[in-house]
């Protein structure tokens, strides 16, 4: 149950950050498909899955909607970081990047 919760949280974060991890995806934004789950690991690797209806329903019980723009990045060694976008300036930069 705890691992499913981690997958859901990582998936929600990954929705807005997935293209940022691919060097060749700069400027190319894609949307997740309905029901798709994306997991982002601390070492920067990612995975996606399309859960069946039962598993998807269980995950949605733990899911929370994203209320603002979120940013992720990796360092030179590939470790993943989430950027604090709680200020108005950071939100503006995040939204500008997502356009």
C-alpha atoms as a PDB file:
ATOM      1  CA  UNK A   1       0.000   0.000   0.000  1.00  0.00           C
ATOM      2  CA  UNK A   2       2.855   2.372   0.882  1.00  0.00           C
ATOM      3  CA  UNK A   3       4.596   1.670  -2.435  1.00  0.00           C
ATOM      4  CA  UNK A   4       1.407   2.482  -4.364  1.00  0.00           C
ATOM      5  CA  UNK A   5       1.159   5.796  -2.489  1.00  0.00           C
ATOM      6  CA  UNK A   6       4.765   6.597  -3.455  1.00  0.00           C
ATOM      7  CA  UNK A   7       4.041   5.753  -7.102  1.00  0.00           C
ATOM      8  CA  UNK A   8       0.972   8.015  -7.125  1.00  0.00           C
ATOM      9  CA  UNK A   9       2.823  10.963  -5.582  1.00  0.00           C
ATOM     10  CA  UNK A  10       5.747  10.529  -7.955  1.00  0.00           C
ATOM     11  CA  UNK A  11       3.319  10.216 -10.858  1.00  0.00           C
ATOM     12  CA  UNK A  12       1.598  13.450 -10.029  1.00  0.00           C
ATOM     13  CA  UNK A  13       4.932  15.230  -9.809  1.00  0.00           C
ATOM     14  CA  UNK A  14       6.055  13.604 -13.000  1.00  0.00           C
ATOM     15  CA  UNK A  15       3.059  14.804 -14.985  1.00  0.00           C
ATOM     16  CA  UNK A  16       4.484  18.263 -15.285  1.00  0.00           C
ATOM     17  CA  UNK A  17       8.155  17.333 -15.206  1.00  0.00           C
ATOM     18  CA  UNK A  18       8.575  14.367 -17.556  1.00  0.00           C
ATOM     19  CA  UNK A  19       9.839  16.298 -20.620  1.00  0.00           C
ATOM     20  CA  UNK A  20      12.365  18.243 -18.550  1.00  0.00           C
ATOM     21  CA  UNK A  21      14.407  15.097 -17.926  1.00  0.00           C
ATOM     22  CA  UNK A  22      15.079  14.342 -21.589  1.00  0.00           C
ATOM     23  CA  UNK A  23      17.807  16.470 -23.171  1.00  0.00           C
ATOM     24  CA  UNK A  24      16.292  16.099 -26.632  1.00  0.00           C
ATOM     25  CA  UNK A  25      12.826  17.133 -25.392  1.00  0.00           C
ATOM     26  CA  UNK A  26      13.685  20.781 -24.814  1.00  0.00           C
ATOM     27  CA  UNK A  27      10.815  22.844 -26.134  1.00  0.00           C
ATOM     28  CA  UNK A  28       8.622  19.761 -26.674  1.00  0.00           C
ATOM     29  CA  UNK A  29       5.821  19.362 -24.167  1.00  0.00           C
ATOM     30  CA  UNK A  30       3.624  16.300 -24.105  1.00  0.00           C
ATOM     31  CA  UNK A  31       0.629  15.538 -21.951  1.00  0.00           C
ATOM     32  CA  UNK A  32       0.045  12.358 -20.044  1.00  0.00           C
ATOM     33  CA  UNK A  33      -2.725  10.089 -21.257  1.00  0.00           C
ATOM     34  CA  UNK A  34      -5.797   9.732 -19.067  1.00  0.00           C
ATOM     35  CA  UNK A  35      -5.126   7.182 -16.337  1.00  0.00           C
ATOM     36  CA  UNK A  36      -1.363   7.071 -16.955  1.00  0.00           C
ATOM     37  CA  UNK A  37       0.934   6.930 -13.904  1.00  0.00           C
ATOM     38  CA  UNK A  38       4.516   8.238 -14.035  1.00  0.00           C
ATOM     39  CA  UNK A  39       7.074   7.441 -11.322  1.00  0.00           C
ATOM     40  CA  UNK A  40      10.241   9.503 -10.828  1.00  0.00           C
ATOM     41  CA  UNK A  41      13.054   7.990  -8.774  1.00  0.00           C
ATOM     42  CA  UNK A  42      15.649  10.009  -6.818  1.00  0.00           C
ATOM     43  CA  UNK A  43      18.383   8.921  -9.229  1.00  0.00           C
ATOM     44  CA  UNK A  44      16.463  10.574 -12.101  1.00  0.00           C
ATOM     45  CA  UNK A  45      15.124   7.516 -13.911  1.00  0.00           C
ATOM     46  CA  UNK A  46      11.419   7.369 -14.664  1.00  0.00           C
ATOM     47  CA  UNK A  47       8.793   4.842 -15.548  1.00  0.00           C
ATOM     48  CA  UNK A  48       5.186   4.936 -16.698  1.00  0.00           C
ATOM     49  CA  UNK A  49       2.313   2.502 -16.522  1.00  0.00           C
ATOM     50  CA  UNK A  50      -1.357   2.275 -17.368  1.00  0.00           C
ATOM     51  CA  UNK A  51      -2.983   0.596 -14.342  1.00  0.00           C
ATOM     52  CA  UNK A  52      -6.120  -1.470 -14.691  1.00  0.00           C
ATOM     53  CA  UNK A  53      -9.412   0.021 -13.458  1.00  0.00           C
ATOM     54  CA  UNK A  54      -9.174  -1.506  -9.969  1.00  0.00           C
ATOM     55  CA  UNK A  55      -5.591  -0.389  -9.370  1.00  0.00           C
ATOM     56  CA  UNK A  56      -6.339   3.057 -10.825  1.00  0.00           C
ATOM     57  CA  UNK A  57      -9.287   3.477  -8.464  1.00  0.00           C
ATOM     58  CA  UNK A  58      -7.101   2.558  -5.474  1.00  0.00           C
ATOM     59  CA  UNK A  59      -4.448   5.054  -6.539  1.00  0.00           C
ATOM     60  CA  UNK A  60      -7.013   7.838  -6.996  1.00  0.00           C
ATOM     61  CA  UNK A  61      -8.069   7.408  -3.358  1.00  0.00           C
ATOM     62  CA  UNK A  62      -4.564   8.552  -2.357  1.00  0.00           C
ATOM     63  CA  UNK A  63      -4.081  11.142  -5.108  1.00  0.00           C
ATOM     64  CA  UNK A  64      -4.203  14.890  -4.625  1.00  0.00           C
ATOM     65  CA  UNK A  65      -4.603  17.381  -7.489  1.00  0.00           C
ATOM     66  CA  UNK A  66      -1.677  19.584  -8.461  1.00  0.00           C
ATOM     67  CA  UNK A  67      -2.668  23.147  -7.592  1.00  0.00           C
ATOM     68  CA  UNK A  68       0.242  25.031  -9.151  1.00  0.00           C
ATOM     69  CA  UNK A  69       3.107  24.684 -11.615  1.00  0.00           C
ATOM     70  CA  UNK A  70       5.876  22.344 -10.406  1.00  0.00           C
ATOM     71  CA  UNK A  71       9.473  22.029 -11.603  1.00  0.00           C
ATOM     72  CA  UNK A  72      11.969  19.179 -11.349  1.00  0.00           C
ATOM     73  CA  UNK A  73      15.608  19.039 -12.409  1.00  0.00           C
ATOM     74  CA  UNK A  74      18.590  16.725 -12.299  1.00  0.00           C
ATOM     75  CA  UNK A  75      22.175  17.536 -11.323  1.00  0.00           C
ATOM     76  CA  UNK A  76      25.295  16.514 -13.258  1.00  0.00           C
ATOM     77  CA  UNK A  77      25.227  13.077 -11.598  1.00  0.00           C
ATOM     78  CA  UNK A  78      21.560  12.540 -12.538  1.00  0.00           C
ATOM     79  CA  UNK A  79      20.049  12.920  -9.043  1.00  0.00           C
ATOM     80  CA  UNK A  80      16.506  14.361  -9.240  1.00  0.00           C
ATOM     81  CA  UNK A  81      15.434  17.497  -7.352  1.00  0.00           C
ATOM     82  CA  UNK A  82      12.100  19.278  -6.959  1.00  0.00           C
ATOM     83  CA  UNK A  83      12.313  23.077  -7.196  1.00  0.00           C
ATOM     84  CA  UNK A  84      10.378  25.182  -4.673  1.00  0.00           C
ATOM     85  CA  UNK A  85       7.881  27.168  -6.751  1.00  0.00           C
ATOM     86  CA  UNK A  86       5.947  28.683  -3.841  1.00  0.00           C
ATOM     87  CA  UNK A  87       6.885  32.331  -4.573  1.00  0.00           C
ATOM     88  CA  UNK A  88       5.150  34.442  -7.222  1.00  0.00           C
ATOM     89  CA  UNK A  89       8.442  34.886  -9.121  1.00  0.00           C
ATOM     90  CA  UNK A  90       9.091  31.137  -9.181  1.00  0.00           C
ATOM     91  CA  UNK A  91       5.503  30.467 -10.298  1.00  0.00           C
ATOM     92  CA  UNK A  92       5.883  32.950 -13.141  1.00  0.00           C
ATOM     93  CA  UNK A  93       9.118  31.284 -14.297  1.00  0.00           C
ATOM     94  CA  UNK A  94       7.537  27.838 -14.037  1.00  0.00           C
ATOM     95  CA  UNK A  95       4.490  28.869 -16.068  1.00  0.00           C
ATOM     96  CA  UNK A  96       6.693  30.588 -18.663  1.00  0.00           C
ATOM     97  CA  UNK A  97       8.708  27.370 -19.055  1.00  0.00           C
ATOM     98  CA  UNK A  98       5.542  25.294 -19.465  1.00  0.00           C
ATOM     99  CA  UNK A  99       4.197  27.441 -22.317  1.00  0.00           C
END
